[in-house]
Amino acid sequence: MPVSAPKFNMFTFFKLPSAWWCGVRLQSIDKKRAVVTVKHGWFNQNPFKSMFWAVQGMAAELATGAMMIDQIKDSGKKISMLVANNNANFSKKATGKITFVCADGDKIAAALDKTIATGEGQTVWMQSIGTNTDGVVVSTFNFEWTVRVKQ
């Protein structure tokens, strides 16, 4: 059963406080998809009056990482996770409420199964797409996650 969004948001308060203070919030999560929102405001803007790219990155990463954390928890194994690489594209000025969606949760299970079976590290690329309230894509992030069973 996926973790609840309110419970996960409390986790961010204690473990990812910069994301929490910037307004990054998990809205929904299941095994295939996670939705994270962040609202542009004075606290998270750049000098050009749009959302700072790093705030978008925190929200985008959380959309991928929340599913990774949830599925690792469900595996019952001690597995480390880490972002090895990422890239991003910024296509529109980010203002208002930005919603990041990652629908790559199905990629996680295969990587976890393989690292559990072999003990070798595995990688998985996941994408998080940020859209504004008009449905216009403002940024696209790709994260390469590494997973490995802890020794």
Protein backbone atom coordinates (compact mmCIF):
# COMPACT_ATOMS: atom_id res chain seq x y z
CA MET A 1 0.00 0.00 0.00
CA PRO A 2 1.50 3.37 -0.98
CA VAL A 3 2.41 5.85 1.71
CA SER A 4 -0.14 8.61 2.27
CA ALA A 5 0.65 12.07 0.90
CA PRO A 6 0.11 13.85 4.26
CA LYS A 7 2.43 11.41 6.03
CA PHE A 8 5.08 11.85 3.35
CA ASN A 9 4.77 15.65 3.55
CA MET A 10 5.46 15.41 7.29
CA PHE A 11 8.55 13.36 6.41
CA THR A 12 9.74 16.20 4.15
CA PHE A 13 9.37 18.68 7.01
CA PHE A 14 11.93 16.74 9.04
CA LYS A 15 14.14 15.14 6.34
CA LEU A 16 13.91 17.60 3.41
CA PRO A 17 13.21 20.92 5.14
CA SER A 18 14.36 23.13 2.26
CA ALA A 19 11.79 21.49 -0.02
CA TRP A 20 9.08 21.83 2.62
CA TRP A 21 9.80 25.53 3.28
CA CYS A 22 9.77 26.20 -0.50
CA GLY A 23 6.24 24.74 -0.67
CA VAL A 24 6.96 21.40 -2.35
CA ARG A 25 4.09 19.01 -1.51
CA LEU A 26 3.26 15.47 -2.55
CA GLN A 27 -0.39 15.41 -3.68
CA SER A 28 -0.84 11.76 -4.63
CA ILE A 29 1.17 8.59 -5.07
CA ASP A 30 0.67 5.01 -6.16
CA LYS A 31 2.97 2.35 -7.63
CA LYS A 32 2.97 3.91 -11.11
CA ARG A 33 2.54 7.65 -10.62
CA ALA A 34 3.32 10.49 -8.23
CA VAL A 35 2.07 14.09 -8.34
CA VAL A 36 3.92 16.92 -6.60
CA THR A 37 2.97 20.60 -6.56
CA VAL A 38 4.77 23.80 -5.72
CA LYS A 39 3.41 27.33 -5.90
CA HIS A 40 5.54 30.22 -7.12
CA GLY A 41 5.96 32.90 -4.49
CA TRP A 42 8.36 35.42 -3.04
CA PHE A 43 10.27 32.77 -1.07
CA ASN A 44 11.09 30.51 -4.04
CA GLN A 45 11.51 32.98 -6.88
CA ASN A 46 14.55 34.12 -8.82
CA PRO A 47 15.37 37.76 -9.69
CA PHE A 48 13.27 37.41 -12.88
CA LYS A 49 10.06 36.86 -10.87
CA SER A 50 9.67 33.20 -11.81
CA MET A 51 10.28 30.04 -9.83
CA PHE A 52 13.95 29.32 -9.15
CA TRP A 53 15.15 26.33 -11.18
CA ALA A 54 16.37 24.50 -8.06
CA VAL A 55 12.89 24.63 -6.49
CA GLN A 56 11.50 23.06 -9.65
CA GLY A 57 14.24 20.45 -9.37
CA MET A 58 13.28 19.61 -5.78
CA ALA A 59 9.65 19.13 -6.77
CA ALA A 60 10.56 17.10 -9.86
CA GLU A 61 12.96 14.88 -7.92
CA LEU A 62 10.39 14.30 -5.17
CA ALA A 63 7.91 13.03 -7.78
CA THR A 64 10.40 10.32 -8.73
CA GLY A 65 11.98 9.72 -5.33
CA ALA A 66 8.74 9.33 -3.39
CA MET A 67 7.84 6.28 -5.46
CA MET A 68 11.36 4.91 -5.06
CA ILE A 69 11.18 5.30 -1.25
CA ASP A 70 7.72 3.72 -1.15
CA GLN A 71 8.68 0.68 -3.22
CA ILE A 72 11.92 0.15 -1.31
CA LYS A 73 9.89 0.21 1.93
CA ASP A 74 7.48 -2.37 0.48
CA SER A 75 10.37 -4.66 -0.54
CA GLY A 76 11.27 -5.21 3.11
CA LYS A 77 14.97 -5.01 2.20
CA LYS A 78 17.58 -2.44 3.16
CA ILE A 79 18.31 -0.75 -0.15
CA SER A 80 20.24 2.45 -0.73
CA MET A 81 19.09 4.93 -3.35
CA LEU A 82 20.91 7.87 -4.88
CA VAL A 83 20.58 10.17 -7.86
CA ALA A 84 23.60 9.56 -10.11
CA ASN A 85 22.69 11.89 -12.97
CA ASN A 86 20.05 14.34 -14.02
CA ASN A 87 19.23 16.74 -16.79
CA ALA A 88 16.52 19.30 -17.29
CA ASN A 89 14.87 21.46 -19.90
CA PHE A 90 13.11 24.72 -19.08
CA SER A 91 10.58 25.62 -21.77
CA LYS A 92 8.40 28.31 -20.17
CA LYS A 93 8.62 30.79 -17.30
CA ALA A 94 7.37 29.01 -14.15
CA THR A 95 4.79 31.12 -12.32
CA GLY A 96 1.67 30.19 -10.40
CA LYS A 97 1.11 26.61 -9.27
CA ILE A 98 3.37 24.08 -10.98
CA THR A 99 2.46 20.39 -10.96
CA PHE A 100 5.14 17.76 -11.50
CA VAL A 101 4.01 14.30 -12.57
CA CYS A 102 6.16 11.20 -12.83
CA ALA A 103 4.47 8.18 -14.37
CA ASP A 104 7.54 5.90 -14.39
CA GLY A 105 6.86 3.96 -11.20
CA ASP A 106 6.66 0.71 -13.11
CA LYS A 107 10.39 0.98 -13.88
CA ILE A 108 11.31 0.76 -10.20
CA ALA A 109 10.18 -2.81 -9.47
CA ALA A 110 12.46 -4.35 -12.09
CA ALA A 111 15.52 -2.51 -10.75
CA LEU A 112 14.70 -3.48 -7.16
CA ASP A 113 14.07 -7.11 -8.07
CA LYS A 114 17.38 -7.30 -9.92
CA THR A 115 19.47 -5.69 -7.16
CA ILE A 116 17.85 -7.98 -4.58
CA ALA A 117 18.51 -11.06 -6.73
CA THR A 118 22.09 -10.21 -7.73
CA GLY A 119 23.35 -7.85 -5.03
CA GLU A 120 24.61 -5.61 -7.82
CA GLY A 121 23.70 -1.96 -8.18
CA GLN A 122 21.04 -1.08 -10.73
CA THR A 123 20.05 2.16 -12.42
CA VAL A 124 16.74 3.48 -13.64
CA TRP A 125 15.94 6.71 -15.50
CA MET A 126 12.71 8.44 -14.51
CA GLN A 127 11.10 11.56 -15.93
CA SER A 128 9.12 14.27 -14.15
CA ILE A 129 7.18 16.83 -16.19
CA GLY A 130 6.15 20.17 -14.71
CA THR A 131 3.10 21.99 -16.04
CA ASN A 132 1.43 25.24 -15.06
CA THR A 133 -2.29 25.67 -14.35
CA ASP A 134 -2.96 26.13 -18.07
CA GLY A 135 -1.44 22.70 -18.77
CA VAL A 136 1.64 24.20 -20.46
CA VAL A 137 4.90 22.33 -19.84
CA VAL A 138 7.34 24.63 -18.03
CA SER A 139 10.12 22.11 -17.34
CA THR A 140 11.07 18.49 -17.84
CA PHE A 141 13.52 16.70 -15.56
CA ASN A 142 15.17 13.31 -15.99
CA PHE A 143 16.78 11.57 -13.02
CA GLU A 144 19.01 8.50 -13.09
CA TRP A 145 18.45 6.70 -9.79
CA THR A 146 20.85 4.04 -8.54
CA VAL A 147 19.71 1.32 -6.14
CA ARG A 148 21.73 -1.30 -4.33
CA VAL A 149 21.07 -3.75 -1.53
CA LYS A 150 22.96 -2.62 1.58
CA GLN A 151 25.63 -5.02 2.79
